[in-house]
Amino acid sequence: MNYMTLHLPYLNFIVCEFLKDRYNRVKNNNLYFFRDNVGNEVDLILDYGHHLYSTEIKSSATFNYDFLKGLNHYKNIVQEKKLKAIFNLRW
């Protein structure tokens, strides 16, 4: 299986869980993503009014610092200090 076949269902599940949590707490959905014209992306941006939480979602057998490339690029653009990464490390 290729990367996208495995990644997209996992990404969708995590985003749905965040969305479900927001709705259960009677909050607006305020979930966004970022992608620029050269392929830098952030999987999920959570808007809590006074803070944006940028989140990268990955599933991999090993950690790779390239996973953080999109977060670091986005951080430099918006001067955001709160970054999160969600990893599912498969054995």
C-alpha atoms as a PDB file:
ATOM      1  CA  MET A   1       0.000   0.000   0.000  1.00  0.00           C
ATOM      2  CA  ASN A   2       1.180   3.489  -0.681  1.00  0.00           C
ATOM      3  CA  TYR A   3       1.459   6.300   1.840  1.00  0.00           C
ATOM      4  CA  MET A   4      -1.761   8.082   0.869  1.00  0.00           C
ATOM      5  CA  THR A   5      -3.839   4.894   1.115  1.00  0.00           C
ATOM      6  CA  LEU A   6      -2.798   4.578   4.751  1.00  0.00           C
ATOM      7  CA  HIS A   7      -2.563   8.252   5.690  1.00  0.00           C
ATOM      8  CA  LEU A   8      -5.868   9.642   4.440  1.00  0.00           C
ATOM      9  CA  PRO A   9      -8.194   7.407   6.520  1.00  0.00           C
ATOM     10  CA  TYR A  10      -6.069   8.055   9.630  1.00  0.00           C
ATOM     11  CA  LEU A  11      -6.037  11.811   8.978  1.00  0.00           C
ATOM     12  CA  ASN A  12      -9.796  11.798   8.401  1.00  0.00           C
ATOM     13  CA  PHE A  13     -10.394   9.883  11.643  1.00  0.00           C
ATOM     14  CA  ILE A  14      -8.316  12.323  13.725  1.00  0.00           C
ATOM     15  CA  VAL A  15      -9.946  15.409  12.188  1.00  0.00           C
ATOM     16  CA  CYS A  16     -13.422  13.900  12.764  1.00  0.00           C
ATOM     17  CA  GLU A  17     -12.531  13.271  16.419  1.00  0.00           C
ATOM     18  CA  PHE A  18     -11.504  16.916  16.858  1.00  0.00           C
ATOM     19  CA  LEU A  19     -14.703  18.033  15.128  1.00  0.00           C
ATOM     20  CA  LYS A  20     -16.826  15.702  17.263  1.00  0.00           C
ATOM     21  CA  ASP A  21     -15.179  17.056  20.414  1.00  0.00           C
ATOM     22  CA  ARG A  22     -15.941  20.645  19.373  1.00  0.00           C
ATOM     23  CA  TYR A  23     -19.593  19.845  18.659  1.00  0.00           C
ATOM     24  CA  ASN A  24     -20.000  17.909  21.926  1.00  0.00           C
ATOM     25  CA  ARG A  25     -18.760  20.972  23.818  1.00  0.00           C
ATOM     26  CA  VAL A  26     -21.159  23.193  21.792  1.00  0.00           C
ATOM     27  CA  LYS A  27     -18.301  25.066  20.129  1.00  0.00           C
ATOM     28  CA  ASN A  28     -18.023  26.286  16.558  1.00  0.00           C
ATOM     29  CA  ASN A  29     -16.146  23.883  14.327  1.00  0.00           C
ATOM     30  CA  ASN A  30     -13.299  26.425  13.656  1.00  0.00           C
ATOM     31  CA  LEU A  31     -11.023  23.760  12.163  1.00  0.00           C
ATOM     32  CA  TYR A  32      -8.839  24.703   9.221  1.00  0.00           C
ATOM     33  CA  PHE A  33      -5.885  23.469   7.213  1.00  0.00           C
ATOM     34  CA  PHE A  34      -3.058  25.225   5.385  1.00  0.00           C
ATOM     35  CA  ARG A  35      -1.451  24.456   2.049  1.00  0.00           C
ATOM     36  CA  ASP A  36       0.588  26.804  -0.123  1.00  0.00           C
ATOM     37  CA  ASN A  37       1.406  26.699  -3.817  1.00  0.00           C
ATOM     38  CA  VAL A  38       4.650  24.726  -3.322  1.00  0.00           C
ATOM     39  CA  GLY A  39       3.164  21.941  -1.203  1.00  0.00           C
ATOM     40  CA  ASN A  40       3.884  23.078   2.361  1.00  0.00           C
ATOM     41  CA  GLU A  41       0.939  22.054   4.485  1.00  0.00           C
ATOM     42  CA  VAL A  42      -0.441  21.825   7.989  1.00  0.00           C
ATOM     43  CA  ASP A  43      -3.045  19.099   8.473  1.00  0.00           C
ATOM     44  CA  LEU A  44      -5.159  20.823  11.098  1.00  0.00           C
ATOM     45  CA  ILE A  45      -5.334  24.333  12.536  1.00  0.00           C
ATOM     46  CA  LEU A  46      -7.495  24.722  15.633  1.00  0.00           C
ATOM     47  CA  ASP A  47      -8.842  28.223  16.217  1.00  0.00           C
ATOM     48  CA  TYR A  48      -9.481  28.885  19.902  1.00  0.00           C
ATOM     49  CA  GLY A  49     -10.093  32.607  19.463  1.00  0.00           C
ATOM     50  CA  HIS A  50      -6.971  33.986  21.115  1.00  0.00           C
ATOM     51  CA  HIS A  51      -4.666  31.191  19.865  1.00  0.00           C
ATOM     52  CA  LEU A  52      -4.224  29.081  16.785  1.00  0.00           C
ATOM     53  CA  TYR A  53      -2.924  25.572  17.379  1.00  0.00           C
ATOM     54  CA  SER A  54      -1.191  24.138  14.339  1.00  0.00           C
ATOM     55  CA  THR A  55      -1.286  20.353  14.227  1.00  0.00           C
ATOM     56  CA  GLU A  56       0.498  17.842  12.017  1.00  0.00           C
ATOM     57  CA  ILE A  57      -0.954  14.319  11.891  1.00  0.00           C
ATOM     58  CA  LYS A  58       1.246  11.410  10.853  1.00  0.00           C
ATOM     59  CA  SER A  59       1.233   7.635  11.008  1.00  0.00           C
ATOM     60  CA  SER A  60       4.612   5.964  10.580  1.00  0.00           C
ATOM     61  CA  ALA A  61       6.830   3.204  11.900  1.00  0.00           C
ATOM     62  CA  THR A  62       9.599   5.725  12.608  1.00  0.00           C
ATOM     63  CA  PHE A  63       9.822   9.425  13.296  1.00  0.00           C
ATOM     64  CA  ASN A  64      11.311  11.647  10.624  1.00  0.00           C
ATOM     65  CA  TYR A  65      12.082  15.336  11.110  1.00  0.00           C
ATOM     66  CA  ASP A  66      10.689  15.982   7.622  1.00  0.00           C
ATOM     67  CA  PHE A  67       7.264  15.421   9.202  1.00  0.00           C
ATOM     68  CA  LEU A  68       7.673  18.835  10.841  1.00  0.00           C
ATOM     69  CA  LYS A  69       8.564  20.706   7.651  1.00  0.00           C
ATOM     70  CA  GLY A  70       5.049  22.071   7.095  1.00  0.00           C
ATOM     71  CA  LEU A  71       4.654  23.096  10.741  1.00  0.00           C
ATOM     72  CA  ASN A  72       7.962  24.940  10.752  1.00  0.00           C
ATOM     73  CA  HIS A  73       7.133  26.733   7.499  1.00  0.00           C
ATOM     74  CA  TYR A  74       3.715  27.782   8.812  1.00  0.00           C
ATOM     75  CA  LYS A  75       5.222  28.878  12.138  1.00  0.00           C
ATOM     76  CA  ASN A  76       7.569  31.244  10.304  1.00  0.00           C
ATOM     77  CA  ILE A  77       4.709  32.749   8.298  1.00  0.00           C
ATOM     78  CA  VAL A  78       2.284  33.439  11.151  1.00  0.00           C
ATOM     79  CA  GLN A  79       4.734  33.763  14.053  1.00  0.00           C
ATOM     80  CA  GLU A  80       2.779  31.043  15.882  1.00  0.00           C
ATOM     81  CA  LYS A  81       4.416  29.498  18.908  1.00  0.00           C
ATOM     82  CA  LYS A  82       1.948  26.724  19.756  1.00  0.00           C
ATOM     83  CA  LEU A  83       2.617  23.778  17.488  1.00  0.00           C
ATOM     84  CA  LYS A  84       1.445  20.197  17.988  1.00  0.00           C
ATOM     85  CA  ALA A  85       2.211  16.951  16.295  1.00  0.00           C
ATOM     86  CA  ILE A  86       0.115  13.791  16.524  1.00  0.00           C
ATOM     87  CA  PHE A  87       1.946  10.629  15.627  1.00  0.00           C
ATOM     88  CA  ASN A  88       0.821   7.050  15.464  1.00  0.00           C
ATOM     89  CA  LEU A  89       4.039   5.054  15.486  1.00  0.00           C
ATOM     90  CA  ARG A  90       3.319   1.596  14.111  1.00  0.00           C
ATOM     91  CA  TRP A  91       5.414  -1.330  15.285  1.00  0.00           C
END
